[in-house]
């Protein structure tokens, strides 16, 4: 049924075991993608984020727990947290607490995906690009609708 990173469903309905296998495969693929994103250029360790942003490491940690900066990790992972470097741009840092609050605690990956993938409510534009272009208010305006959809990555 599953071939590498593709998921093919045949005409027949899935039984419980098939559903469980499919769910495990999709979750494993998601974890692989998250690990790859954490290794990507622009993902900063706490020390690198402090140096890049000019915000002391201890303050960054407090900001993370207060929901003011985005820190990503994989549950049970050994790599610790990574901070996307783009969030330290002034326009992004200004609206980020509202975005993180809308998604709620422990939903950092969903907030990240919202910011970095095309958003139908923004005519297919990426929220991060809209914020960078000075349209942060437009992103905040569609935020509750985007988080209420309950579909896609978030």
N, C-alpha and C. Protein backbone atom coordinates (compact mmCIF):
# COMPACT_ATOMS: atom_id res chain seq x y z
N UNK A 1 0.81 -1.19 0.00
CA UNK A 1 0.00 0.00 0.00
C UNK A 1 0.86 1.26 0.00
N UNK A 2 1.94 1.28 0.76
CA UNK A 2 2.79 2.48 0.84
C UNK A 2 4.09 2.22 0.10
N UNK A 3 4.48 3.18 -0.70
CA UNK A 3 5.70 3.07 -1.46
C UNK A 3 6.53 4.31 -1.18
N UNK A 4 7.59 4.14 -0.40
CA UNK A 4 8.46 5.25 0.01
C UNK A 4 7.64 6.37 0.62
N UNK A 5 7.67 7.56 0.03
CA UNK A 5 6.94 8.69 0.60
C UNK A 5 5.60 8.92 -0.08
N UNK A 6 5.15 7.98 -0.90
CA UNK A 6 3.84 8.11 -1.53
C UNK A 6 2.81 7.32 -0.75
N UNK A 7 1.60 7.80 -0.73
CA UNK A 7 0.50 7.04 -0.14
C UNK A 7 -0.53 6.81 -1.22
N UNK A 8 -0.78 5.55 -1.50
CA UNK A 8 -1.78 5.19 -2.51
C UNK A 8 -2.89 4.42 -1.83
N UNK A 9 -4.10 4.85 -2.06
CA UNK A 9 -5.26 4.14 -1.54
C UNK A 9 -5.96 3.50 -2.72
N UNK A 10 -6.21 2.20 -2.63
CA UNK A 10 -6.92 1.55 -3.72
C UNK A 10 -8.42 1.76 -3.56
N UNK A 11 -9.16 1.19 -4.47
CA UNK A 11 -10.60 1.39 -4.53
C UNK A 11 -11.31 0.84 -3.29
N UNK A 12 -10.75 -0.21 -2.69
CA UNK A 12 -11.41 -0.84 -1.55
C UNK A 12 -11.28 0.02 -0.30
N UNK A 13 -12.23 -0.14 0.59
CA UNK A 13 -12.15 0.62 1.84
C UNK A 13 -11.05 0.02 2.72
N UNK A 14 -10.49 0.84 3.57
CA UNK A 14 -9.41 0.40 4.45
C UNK A 14 -9.99 -0.24 5.70
N UNK A 15 -9.34 -1.31 6.15
CA UNK A 15 -9.75 -1.87 7.43
C UNK A 15 -8.93 -1.19 8.53
N UNK A 16 -9.20 -1.50 9.78
CA UNK A 16 -8.51 -0.85 10.90
C UNK A 16 -7.00 -1.00 10.83
N UNK A 17 -6.54 -2.18 10.46
CA UNK A 17 -5.08 -2.41 10.39
C UNK A 17 -4.45 -1.55 9.29
N UNK A 18 -5.13 -1.45 8.15
CA UNK A 18 -4.62 -0.61 7.08
C UNK A 18 -4.56 0.85 7.52
N UNK A 19 -5.59 1.29 8.21
CA UNK A 19 -5.61 2.68 8.71
C UNK A 19 -4.47 2.94 9.68
N UNK A 20 -4.23 1.98 10.55
CA UNK A 20 -3.13 2.14 11.52
C UNK A 20 -1.78 2.17 10.82
N UNK A 21 -1.60 1.29 9.83
CA UNK A 21 -0.34 1.29 9.08
C UNK A 21 -0.15 2.61 8.33
N UNK A 22 -1.22 3.07 7.71
CA UNK A 22 -1.16 4.33 6.98
C UNK A 22 -0.84 5.49 7.93
N UNK A 23 -1.48 5.52 9.07
CA UNK A 23 -1.22 6.57 10.05
C UNK A 23 0.23 6.54 10.51
N UNK A 24 0.75 5.37 10.82
CA UNK A 24 2.17 5.25 11.24
C UNK A 24 3.10 5.74 10.14
N UNK A 25 2.81 5.36 8.91
CA UNK A 25 3.66 5.77 7.79
C UNK A 25 3.63 7.29 7.60
N UNK A 26 2.45 7.88 7.70
CA UNK A 26 2.34 9.33 7.54
C UNK A 26 3.03 10.07 8.67
N UNK A 27 2.88 9.57 9.89
CA UNK A 27 3.56 10.20 11.02
C UNK A 27 5.08 10.09 10.88
N UNK A 28 5.56 8.94 10.43
CA UNK A 28 7.01 8.76 10.23
C UNK A 28 7.51 9.71 9.15
N UNK A 29 6.73 9.87 8.08
CA UNK A 29 7.13 10.80 7.02
C UNK A 29 7.17 12.23 7.56
N UNK A 30 6.19 12.60 8.38
CA UNK A 30 6.18 13.93 8.98
C UNK A 30 7.39 14.18 9.85
N UNK A 31 7.77 13.17 10.65
CA UNK A 31 8.97 13.32 11.51
C UNK A 31 10.23 13.46 10.66
N UNK A 32 10.33 12.70 9.57
CA UNK A 32 11.49 12.84 8.67
C UNK A 32 11.56 14.25 8.10
N UNK A 33 10.41 14.77 7.69
CA UNK A 33 10.38 16.12 7.14
C UNK A 33 10.75 17.16 8.20
N UNK A 34 10.28 16.97 9.43
CA UNK A 34 10.63 17.90 10.50
C UNK A 34 12.13 17.85 10.78
N UNK A 35 12.70 16.65 10.83
CA UNK A 35 14.15 16.54 11.06
C UNK A 35 14.92 17.26 9.96
N UNK A 36 14.49 17.10 8.72
CA UNK A 36 15.15 17.77 7.60
C UNK A 36 15.03 19.29 7.75
N UNK A 37 13.87 19.77 8.16
CA UNK A 37 13.69 21.21 8.34
C UNK A 37 14.58 21.74 9.46
N UNK A 38 14.73 20.97 10.53
CA UNK A 38 15.58 21.42 11.64
C UNK A 38 17.04 21.51 11.23
N UNK A 39 17.45 20.72 10.24
CA UNK A 39 18.83 20.76 9.75
C UNK A 39 19.03 21.81 8.67
N UNK A 40 17.94 22.40 8.20
CA UNK A 40 18.02 23.34 7.08
C UNK A 40 18.79 24.60 7.46
N UNK A 41 19.32 25.23 6.44
CA UNK A 41 20.01 26.50 6.61
C UNK A 41 19.03 27.52 7.18
N UNK A 42 19.48 28.30 8.12
CA UNK A 42 18.62 29.31 8.72
C UNK A 42 17.95 28.86 10.00
N UNK A 43 18.07 27.57 10.34
CA UNK A 43 17.59 27.07 11.63
C UNK A 43 18.75 27.19 12.61
N UNK A 44 18.54 27.94 13.67
CA UNK A 44 19.64 28.31 14.56
C UNK A 44 19.54 27.62 15.91
N UNK A 45 20.68 27.19 16.41
CA UNK A 45 20.75 26.67 17.78
C UNK A 45 20.51 27.86 18.72
N UNK A 46 20.23 27.61 19.99
CA UNK A 46 20.06 28.74 20.92
C UNK A 46 21.26 29.69 20.92
N UNK A 47 22.45 29.15 20.89
CA UNK A 47 23.66 29.99 20.89
C UNK A 47 23.74 30.82 19.60
N UNK A 48 23.46 30.18 18.46
CA UNK A 48 23.48 30.90 17.18
C UNK A 48 22.38 31.96 17.13
N UNK A 49 21.20 31.62 17.65
CA UNK A 49 20.08 32.57 17.66
C UNK A 49 20.42 33.79 18.51
N UNK A 50 21.07 33.57 19.64
CA UNK A 50 21.45 34.69 20.50
C UNK A 50 22.45 35.60 19.78
N UNK A 51 23.42 34.98 19.14
CA UNK A 51 24.42 35.76 18.41
C UNK A 51 23.77 36.50 17.23
N UNK A 52 22.92 35.83 16.48
CA UNK A 52 22.28 36.40 15.30
C UNK A 52 21.32 37.54 15.66
N UNK A 53 20.53 37.34 16.71
CA UNK A 53 19.49 38.31 17.07
C UNK A 53 19.96 39.41 18.00
N UNK A 54 21.06 39.14 18.71
CA UNK A 54 21.51 40.09 19.72
C UNK A 54 20.73 39.97 21.02
N UNK A 55 19.89 38.96 21.13
CA UNK A 55 19.10 38.72 22.34
C UNK A 55 19.83 37.65 23.16
N UNK A 56 20.15 37.92 24.41
CA UNK A 56 20.87 36.92 25.21
C UNK A 56 20.12 35.58 25.26
N UNK A 57 20.89 34.50 25.32
CA UNK A 57 20.32 33.15 25.33
C UNK A 57 19.27 32.96 26.42
N UNK A 58 19.54 33.45 27.59
CA UNK A 58 18.60 33.31 28.71
C UNK A 58 17.29 34.05 28.41
N UNK A 59 17.40 35.23 27.80
CA UNK A 59 16.21 36.00 27.44
C UNK A 59 15.42 35.29 26.34
N UNK A 60 16.13 34.72 25.37
CA UNK A 60 15.46 33.96 24.31
C UNK A 60 14.67 32.79 24.91
N UNK A 61 15.26 32.14 25.88
CA UNK A 61 14.57 31.01 26.53
C UNK A 61 13.28 31.49 27.21
N UNK A 62 13.38 32.61 27.92
CA UNK A 62 12.19 33.18 28.56
C UNK A 62 11.14 33.59 27.53
N UNK A 63 11.60 34.19 26.44
CA UNK A 63 10.69 34.60 25.37
C UNK A 63 10.00 33.38 24.74
N UNK A 64 10.75 32.29 24.60
CA UNK A 64 10.17 31.06 24.05
C UNK A 64 9.05 30.56 24.94
N UNK A 65 9.30 30.48 26.24
CA UNK A 65 8.28 29.98 27.17
C UNK A 65 7.10 30.94 27.31
N UNK A 66 7.34 32.22 27.05
CA UNK A 66 6.26 33.21 27.12
C UNK A 66 5.47 33.29 25.81
N UNK A 67 5.93 32.56 24.78
CA UNK A 67 5.22 32.57 23.50
C UNK A 67 5.54 33.77 22.64
N UNK A 68 6.75 34.32 22.78
CA UNK A 68 7.13 35.49 22.00
C UNK A 68 8.07 35.17 20.84
N UNK A 69 8.70 34.00 20.88
CA UNK A 69 9.54 33.55 19.77
C UNK A 69 9.22 32.09 19.48
N UNK A 70 9.50 31.68 18.27
CA UNK A 70 9.21 30.33 17.79
C UNK A 70 10.44 29.46 17.94
N UNK A 71 10.29 28.36 18.65
CA UNK A 71 11.36 27.38 18.78
C UNK A 71 10.79 26.02 18.40
N UNK A 72 11.49 25.32 17.56
CA UNK A 72 11.02 24.03 17.05
C UNK A 72 11.88 22.91 17.57
N UNK A 73 11.27 21.79 17.82
CA UNK A 73 11.99 20.58 18.20
C UNK A 73 11.14 19.39 17.82
N UNK A 74 11.73 18.22 17.93
CA UNK A 74 11.00 16.99 17.68
C UNK A 74 10.87 16.27 19.00
N UNK A 75 9.66 15.89 19.33
CA UNK A 75 9.43 15.18 20.59
C UNK A 75 10.33 13.96 20.66
N UNK A 76 11.06 13.86 21.74
CA UNK A 76 11.97 12.73 21.91
C UNK A 76 13.25 12.87 21.13
N UNK A 77 13.40 13.98 20.42
CA UNK A 77 14.61 14.19 19.63
C UNK A 77 15.78 14.63 20.50
N UNK A 78 16.96 14.44 19.97
CA UNK A 78 18.17 14.77 20.73
C UNK A 78 18.80 16.08 20.29
N UNK A 79 18.22 16.69 19.26
CA UNK A 79 18.88 17.87 18.69
C UNK A 79 18.55 19.16 19.44
N UNK A 80 17.68 19.11 20.43
CA UNK A 80 17.30 20.32 21.14
C UNK A 80 16.41 21.20 20.27
N UNK A 81 16.31 22.46 20.65
CA UNK A 81 15.44 23.36 19.90
C UNK A 81 16.23 24.11 18.84
N UNK A 82 15.52 24.53 17.83
CA UNK A 82 16.07 25.36 16.76
C UNK A 82 15.13 26.54 16.57
N UNK A 83 15.73 27.68 16.33
CA UNK A 83 14.99 28.91 16.10
C UNK A 83 15.09 29.28 14.62
N UNK A 84 13.97 29.40 13.92
CA UNK A 84 14.05 29.89 12.54
C UNK A 84 14.61 31.31 12.54
N UNK A 85 15.66 31.55 11.80
CA UNK A 85 16.31 32.85 11.80
C UNK A 85 15.43 33.98 11.30
N UNK A 86 14.50 33.67 10.38
CA UNK A 86 13.65 34.72 9.81
C UNK A 86 12.77 35.41 10.85
N UNK A 87 12.51 34.77 11.97
CA UNK A 87 11.62 35.38 12.95
C UNK A 87 12.22 36.61 13.62
N UNK A 88 13.53 36.78 13.50
CA UNK A 88 14.18 37.92 14.16
C UNK A 88 14.16 39.19 13.30
N UNK A 89 13.55 39.11 12.13
CA UNK A 89 13.33 40.32 11.35
C UNK A 89 12.30 41.15 12.12
N UNK A 90 12.51 42.47 12.24
CA UNK A 90 11.64 43.29 13.08
C UNK A 90 10.15 43.15 12.82
N UNK A 91 9.72 43.14 11.56
CA UNK A 91 8.30 43.02 11.26
C UNK A 91 7.72 41.68 11.71
N UNK A 92 8.51 40.63 11.56
CA UNK A 92 8.05 39.30 11.95
C UNK A 92 7.99 39.20 13.46
N UNK A 93 9.03 39.64 14.13
CA UNK A 93 9.08 39.56 15.60
C UNK A 93 7.94 40.34 16.24
N UNK A 94 7.50 41.38 15.56
CA UNK A 94 6.41 42.22 16.09
C UNK A 94 5.07 41.48 16.11
N UNK A 95 4.77 40.67 15.08
CA UNK A 95 3.46 39.99 15.02
C UNK A 95 3.52 38.54 15.51
N UNK A 96 4.70 38.01 15.68
CA UNK A 96 4.84 36.61 16.05
C UNK A 96 4.12 36.21 17.34
N UNK A 97 4.17 37.01 18.42
CA UNK A 97 3.45 36.60 19.63
C UNK A 97 1.96 36.38 19.40
N UNK A 98 1.33 37.20 18.56
CA UNK A 98 -0.10 37.02 18.26
C UNK A 98 -0.34 35.72 17.50
N UNK A 99 0.56 35.41 16.58
CA UNK A 99 0.43 34.18 15.80
C UNK A 99 0.60 32.97 16.70
N UNK A 100 1.63 32.99 17.54
CA UNK A 100 1.87 31.86 18.44
C UNK A 100 0.71 31.69 19.42
N UNK A 101 0.15 32.78 19.90
CA UNK A 101 -0.98 32.71 20.83
C UNK A 101 -2.20 32.09 20.14
N UNK A 102 -2.41 32.41 18.88
CA UNK A 102 -3.56 31.87 18.16
C UNK A 102 -3.47 30.35 18.02
N UNK A 103 -2.26 29.85 17.85
CA UNK A 103 -2.09 28.40 17.72
C UNK A 103 -2.07 27.71 19.08
N UNK A 104 -1.64 28.41 20.11
CA UNK A 104 -1.61 27.83 21.44
C UNK A 104 -0.31 27.12 21.74
N UNK A 105 -0.13 26.84 23.01
CA UNK A 105 1.09 26.16 23.46
C UNK A 105 1.22 24.80 22.79
N UNK A 106 2.43 24.41 22.59
CA UNK A 106 2.78 23.09 22.06
C UNK A 106 2.32 22.89 20.61
N UNK A 107 2.12 23.98 19.89
CA UNK A 107 1.75 23.87 18.46
C UNK A 107 2.69 24.69 17.60
N UNK A 108 3.97 24.67 17.98
CA UNK A 108 4.98 25.45 17.26
C UNK A 108 5.08 25.02 15.80
N UNK A 109 5.03 23.73 15.53
CA UNK A 109 5.14 23.28 14.14
C UNK A 109 3.97 23.77 13.30
N UNK A 110 2.79 23.81 13.89
CA UNK A 110 1.64 24.30 13.14
C UNK A 110 1.80 25.79 12.82
N UNK A 111 2.29 26.55 13.79
CA UNK A 111 2.54 27.98 13.55
C UNK A 111 3.60 28.15 12.46
N UNK A 112 4.65 27.35 12.53
CA UNK A 112 5.71 27.39 11.51
C UNK A 112 5.14 27.10 10.13
N UNK A 113 4.34 26.04 10.04
CA UNK A 113 3.75 25.68 8.75
C UNK A 113 2.82 26.77 8.23
N UNK A 114 2.03 27.35 9.11
CA UNK A 114 1.15 28.45 8.71
C UNK A 114 1.96 29.58 8.08
N UNK A 115 3.08 29.92 8.70
CA UNK A 115 3.89 31.03 8.22
C UNK A 115 4.63 30.73 6.92
N UNK A 116 4.99 29.47 6.70
CA UNK A 116 5.92 29.14 5.62
C UNK A 116 5.31 28.39 4.44
N UNK A 117 4.01 28.19 4.44
CA UNK A 117 3.33 27.55 3.31
C UNK A 117 2.27 28.49 2.75
N UNK A 118 1.98 28.36 1.47
CA UNK A 118 0.93 29.21 0.88
C UNK A 118 -0.39 29.05 1.64
N UNK A 119 -1.05 30.17 1.84
CA UNK A 119 -2.29 30.21 2.62
C UNK A 119 -3.47 30.57 1.70
N UNK A 120 -4.46 29.68 1.59
CA UNK A 120 -5.61 29.98 0.74
C UNK A 120 -6.32 31.28 1.12
N UNK A 121 -6.36 31.61 2.40
CA UNK A 121 -7.04 32.84 2.82
C UNK A 121 -6.28 34.11 2.45
N UNK A 122 -5.06 33.93 1.96
CA UNK A 122 -4.26 35.06 1.47
C UNK A 122 -4.03 34.90 -0.04
N UNK A 123 -4.99 34.30 -0.70
CA UNK A 123 -4.92 34.09 -2.16
C UNK A 123 -3.68 33.29 -2.55
N UNK A 124 -3.32 32.33 -1.70
CA UNK A 124 -2.18 31.46 -2.00
C UNK A 124 -0.82 32.05 -1.66
N UNK A 125 -0.81 33.22 -1.07
CA UNK A 125 0.48 33.82 -0.69
C UNK A 125 0.91 33.27 0.66
N UNK A 126 2.20 33.28 0.90
CA UNK A 126 2.76 32.79 2.15
C UNK A 126 2.68 33.88 3.21
N UNK A 127 2.11 33.58 4.39
CA UNK A 127 2.01 34.59 5.44
C UNK A 127 3.34 35.27 5.78
N UNK A 128 4.42 34.52 5.82
CA UNK A 128 5.72 35.13 6.12
C UNK A 128 6.08 36.20 5.08
N UNK A 129 5.85 35.90 3.82
CA UNK A 129 6.12 36.89 2.76
C UNK A 129 5.23 38.13 2.92
N UNK A 130 3.98 37.91 3.30
CA UNK A 130 3.06 39.03 3.50
C UNK A 130 3.52 39.92 4.67
N UNK A 131 3.98 39.29 5.73
CA UNK A 131 4.49 40.06 6.88
C UNK A 131 5.72 40.86 6.46
N UNK A 132 6.62 40.23 5.74
CA UNK A 132 7.83 40.92 5.27
C UNK A 132 7.48 42.09 4.35
N UNK A 133 6.39 41.97 3.62
CA UNK A 133 5.98 43.04 2.70
C UNK A 133 5.20 44.14 3.42
N UNK A 134 5.09 44.04 4.74
CA UNK A 134 4.40 45.07 5.51
C UNK A 134 2.92 44.83 5.68
N UNK A 135 2.46 43.62 5.38
CA UNK A 135 1.03 43.29 5.47
C UNK A 135 0.73 42.39 6.67
N UNK A 136 1.41 42.62 7.77
CA UNK A 136 1.19 41.82 8.98
C UNK A 136 -0.25 41.89 9.46
N UNK A 137 -0.88 43.05 9.31
CA UNK A 137 -2.27 43.20 9.75
C UNK A 137 -3.20 42.27 8.96
N UNK A 138 -2.91 42.06 7.67
CA UNK A 138 -3.72 41.14 6.86
C UNK A 138 -3.57 39.71 7.36
N UNK A 139 -2.35 39.35 7.73
CA UNK A 139 -2.10 38.00 8.25
C UNK A 139 -2.84 37.82 9.57
N UNK A 140 -2.77 38.81 10.44
CA UNK A 140 -3.46 38.70 11.73
C UNK A 140 -4.97 38.66 11.54
N UNK A 141 -5.47 39.34 10.52
CA UNK A 141 -6.90 39.38 10.25
C UNK A 141 -7.45 37.99 9.90
N UNK A 142 -6.68 37.18 9.18
CA UNK A 142 -7.17 35.86 8.76
C UNK A 142 -6.76 34.75 9.73
N UNK A 143 -6.02 35.12 10.74
CA UNK A 143 -5.43 34.13 11.64
C UNK A 143 -6.46 33.24 12.34
N UNK A 144 -7.51 33.81 12.91
CA UNK A 144 -8.45 32.97 13.64
C UNK A 144 -9.18 32.03 12.69
N UNK A 145 -9.48 32.49 11.48
CA UNK A 145 -10.12 31.60 10.50
C UNK A 145 -9.19 30.47 10.12
N UNK A 146 -7.91 30.78 9.92
CA UNK A 146 -6.94 29.76 9.55
C UNK A 146 -6.75 28.72 10.64
N UNK A 147 -6.73 29.15 11.88
CA UNK A 147 -6.53 28.18 12.98
C UNK A 147 -7.80 27.41 13.28
N UNK A 148 -8.97 27.97 12.92
CA UNK A 148 -10.24 27.27 13.17
C UNK A 148 -10.57 26.24 12.12
N UNK A 149 -9.92 26.30 10.96
CA UNK A 149 -10.23 25.38 9.87
C UNK A 149 -10.05 23.93 10.28
N UNK A 150 -8.98 23.65 11.05
CA UNK A 150 -8.74 22.29 11.47
C UNK A 150 -8.38 21.36 10.31
N UNK A 151 -7.81 21.90 9.28
CA UNK A 151 -7.40 21.05 8.17
C UNK A 151 -5.98 21.40 7.77
N UNK A 152 -5.40 20.61 6.93
CA UNK A 152 -4.05 20.84 6.49
C UNK A 152 -3.06 20.65 7.63
N UNK A 153 -1.96 21.37 7.54
CA UNK A 153 -0.90 21.21 8.55
C UNK A 153 -1.30 21.76 9.90
N UNK A 154 -2.26 22.68 9.92
CA UNK A 154 -2.62 23.28 11.17
C UNK A 154 -4.07 23.03 11.43
